[in-house]
Amino acid sequence: MSCATLPYPSPAGAGSCTGSQDRMRPLSSAAGLVQLVFAASRAFRQAYREAARRRRTRQALAELSPRMLRDIGVTPAEARKEASMPWWAI
């Protein structure tokens, strides 16, 4: 493998390779890609958790009795409207 294709810097004094900065670019691009994938994964998990929380909350609201709804200041019509919304609706 020639020095120009090494994805890591060569050990000190090993041959006459120069320009280790150029050899580091593929590794740093890969590291940036990994960070991007992790950030996207984290954002997806957070969005999924939020959607699941909304679904559970709406399901619980649909199961409340009219007396319980009055206690929290929500009319049965408002509760039905909110409970009928899809999980992706905010």
C-alpha atoms as a PDB file:
ATOM      1  CA  MET A   1       0.000   0.000   0.000  1.00  0.00           C
ATOM      2  CA  SER A   2       1.512   3.334  -0.953  1.00  0.00           C
ATOM      3  CA  CYS A   3       1.734   6.211   1.505  1.00  0.00           C
ATOM      4  CA  ALA A   4      -0.852   8.219  -0.427  1.00  0.00           C
ATOM      5  CA  THR A   5      -3.590   5.668   0.226  1.00  0.00           C
ATOM      6  CA  LEU A   6      -3.036   5.089   3.942  1.00  0.00           C
ATOM      7  CA  PRO A   7      -6.090   6.204   5.940  1.00  0.00           C
ATOM      8  CA  TYR A   8      -3.871   6.950   8.958  1.00  0.00           C
ATOM      9  CA  PRO A   9      -0.594   8.808   9.523  1.00  0.00           C
ATOM     10  CA  SER A  10       2.576   6.790   9.125  1.00  0.00           C
ATOM     11  CA  PRO A  11       4.762   6.193  12.187  1.00  0.00           C
ATOM     12  CA  ALA A  12       7.510   8.738  12.786  1.00  0.00           C
ATOM     13  CA  GLY A  13      10.543   8.088  10.608  1.00  0.00           C
ATOM     14  CA  ALA A  14       8.817   5.396   8.534  1.00  0.00           C
ATOM     15  CA  GLY A  15       9.773   6.084   4.929  1.00  0.00           C
ATOM     16  CA  SER A  16       9.676   9.361   3.079  1.00  0.00           C
ATOM     17  CA  CYS A  17       5.920   9.984   3.123  1.00  0.00           C
ATOM     18  CA  THR A  18       4.838  13.574   3.619  1.00  0.00           C
ATOM     19  CA  GLY A  19       1.496  15.274   3.772  1.00  0.00           C
ATOM     20  CA  SER A  20      -0.172  13.221   6.512  1.00  0.00           C
ATOM     21  CA  GLN A  21      -2.937  15.859   6.500  1.00  0.00           C
ATOM     22  CA  ASP A  22      -4.012  14.656   3.043  1.00  0.00           C
ATOM     23  CA  ARG A  23      -4.135  11.055   4.206  1.00  0.00           C
ATOM     24  CA  MET A  24      -6.377  12.038   7.150  1.00  0.00           C
ATOM     25  CA  ARG A  25      -9.172  13.500   5.015  1.00  0.00           C
ATOM     26  CA  PRO A  26     -10.929  10.190   4.251  1.00  0.00           C
ATOM     27  CA  LEU A  27     -10.957   9.306   7.958  1.00  0.00           C
ATOM     28  CA  SER A  28     -12.313  12.695   8.995  1.00  0.00           C
ATOM     29  CA  SER A  29     -15.004  12.481   6.293  1.00  0.00           C
ATOM     30  CA  ALA A  30     -15.983   9.072   7.608  1.00  0.00           C
ATOM     31  CA  ALA A  31     -16.040  10.417  11.156  1.00  0.00           C
ATOM     32  CA  GLY A  32     -18.298  13.262  10.021  1.00  0.00           C
ATOM     33  CA  LEU A  33     -20.600  10.784   8.336  1.00  0.00           C
ATOM     34  CA  VAL A  34     -20.755   8.677  11.497  1.00  0.00           C
ATOM     35  CA  GLN A  35     -21.627  11.775  13.535  1.00  0.00           C
ATOM     36  CA  LEU A  36     -24.324  12.669  11.027  1.00  0.00           C
ATOM     37  CA  VAL A  37     -25.813   9.166  11.182  1.00  0.00           C
ATOM     38  CA  PHE A  38     -25.795   9.216  14.996  1.00  0.00           C
ATOM     39  CA  ALA A  39     -27.439  12.657  15.055  1.00  0.00           C
ATOM     40  CA  ALA A  40     -30.126  11.513  12.624  1.00  0.00           C
ATOM     41  CA  SER A  41     -30.683   8.356  14.663  1.00  0.00           C
ATOM     42  CA  ARG A  42     -30.984  10.392  17.862  1.00  0.00           C
ATOM     43  CA  ALA A  43     -33.490  12.764  16.202  1.00  0.00           C
ATOM     44  CA  PHE A  44     -35.543   9.820  14.903  1.00  0.00           C
ATOM     45  CA  ARG A  45     -35.652   8.179  18.348  1.00  0.00           C
ATOM     46  CA  GLN A  46     -36.715  11.448  19.950  1.00  0.00           C
ATOM     47  CA  ALA A  47     -39.473  12.001  17.355  1.00  0.00           C
ATOM     48  CA  TYR A  48     -40.653   8.398  17.781  1.00  0.00           C
ATOM     49  CA  ARG A  49     -40.805   8.744  21.575  1.00  0.00           C
ATOM     50  CA  GLU A  50     -42.776  11.983  21.257  1.00  0.00           C
ATOM     51  CA  ALA A  51     -45.261  10.421  18.816  1.00  0.00           C
ATOM     52  CA  ALA A  52     -45.683   7.404  21.102  1.00  0.00           C
ATOM     53  CA  ARG A  53     -46.272   9.709  24.066  1.00  0.00           C
ATOM     54  CA  ARG A  54     -48.976  11.594  22.130  1.00  0.00           C
ATOM     55  CA  ARG A  55     -50.640   8.306  21.154  1.00  0.00           C
ATOM     56  CA  ARG A  56     -50.660   7.061  24.762  1.00  0.00           C
ATOM     57  CA  THR A  57     -51.954  10.387  26.073  1.00  0.00           C
ATOM     58  CA  ARG A  58     -54.770  10.513  23.525  1.00  0.00           C
ATOM     59  CA  GLN A  59     -55.681   6.917  24.250  1.00  0.00           C
ATOM     60  CA  ALA A  60     -55.830   7.657  27.993  1.00  0.00           C
ATOM     61  CA  LEU A  61     -57.944  10.761  27.333  1.00  0.00           C
ATOM     62  CA  ALA A  62     -60.422   8.670  25.333  1.00  0.00           C
ATOM     63  CA  GLU A  63     -60.828   6.311  28.304  1.00  0.00           C
ATOM     64  CA  LEU A  64     -61.714   9.008  30.859  1.00  0.00           C
ATOM     65  CA  SER A  65     -65.269   9.229  32.157  1.00  0.00           C
ATOM     66  CA  PRO A  66     -67.289  12.434  31.695  1.00  0.00           C
ATOM     67  CA  ARG A  67     -66.855  13.173  35.424  1.00  0.00           C
ATOM     68  CA  MET A  68     -63.077  12.884  35.143  1.00  0.00           C
ATOM     69  CA  LEU A  69     -63.103  15.077  32.046  1.00  0.00           C
ATOM     70  CA  ARG A  70     -65.045  17.750  33.972  1.00  0.00           C
ATOM     71  CA  ASP A  71     -62.425  17.556  36.727  1.00  0.00           C
ATOM     72  CA  ILE A  72     -59.691  18.500  34.279  1.00  0.00           C
ATOM     73  CA  GLY A  73     -61.806  21.103  32.483  1.00  0.00           C
ATOM     74  CA  VAL A  74     -62.284  19.251  29.203  1.00  0.00           C
ATOM     75  CA  THR A  75     -65.642  18.622  27.568  1.00  0.00           C
ATOM     76  CA  PRO A  76     -66.445  15.162  26.172  1.00  0.00           C
ATOM     77  CA  ALA A  77     -66.568  16.679  22.655  1.00  0.00           C
ATOM     78  CA  GLU A  78     -63.069  18.156  23.076  1.00  0.00           C
ATOM     79  CA  ALA A  79     -61.785  14.832  24.395  1.00  0.00           C
ATOM     80  CA  ARG A  80     -63.295  12.921  21.443  1.00  0.00           C
ATOM     81  CA  LYS A  81     -61.808  15.405  18.979  1.00  0.00           C
ATOM     82  CA  GLU A  82     -58.334  15.150  20.529  1.00  0.00           C
ATOM     83  CA  ALA A  83     -58.510  11.354  20.891  1.00  0.00           C
ATOM     84  CA  SER A  84     -59.489  10.925  17.246  1.00  0.00           C
ATOM     85  CA  MET A  85     -56.407  12.768  15.987  1.00  0.00           C
ATOM     86  CA  PRO A  86     -53.701  10.572  14.391  1.00  0.00           C
ATOM     87  CA  TRP A  87     -50.458  10.008  16.285  1.00  0.00           C
ATOM     88  CA  TRP A  88     -48.458  12.225  13.900  1.00  0.00           C
ATOM     89  CA  ALA A  89     -50.722  15.257  14.369  1.00  0.00           C
ATOM     90  CA  ILE A  90     -49.470  17.801  16.858  1.00  0.00           C
END
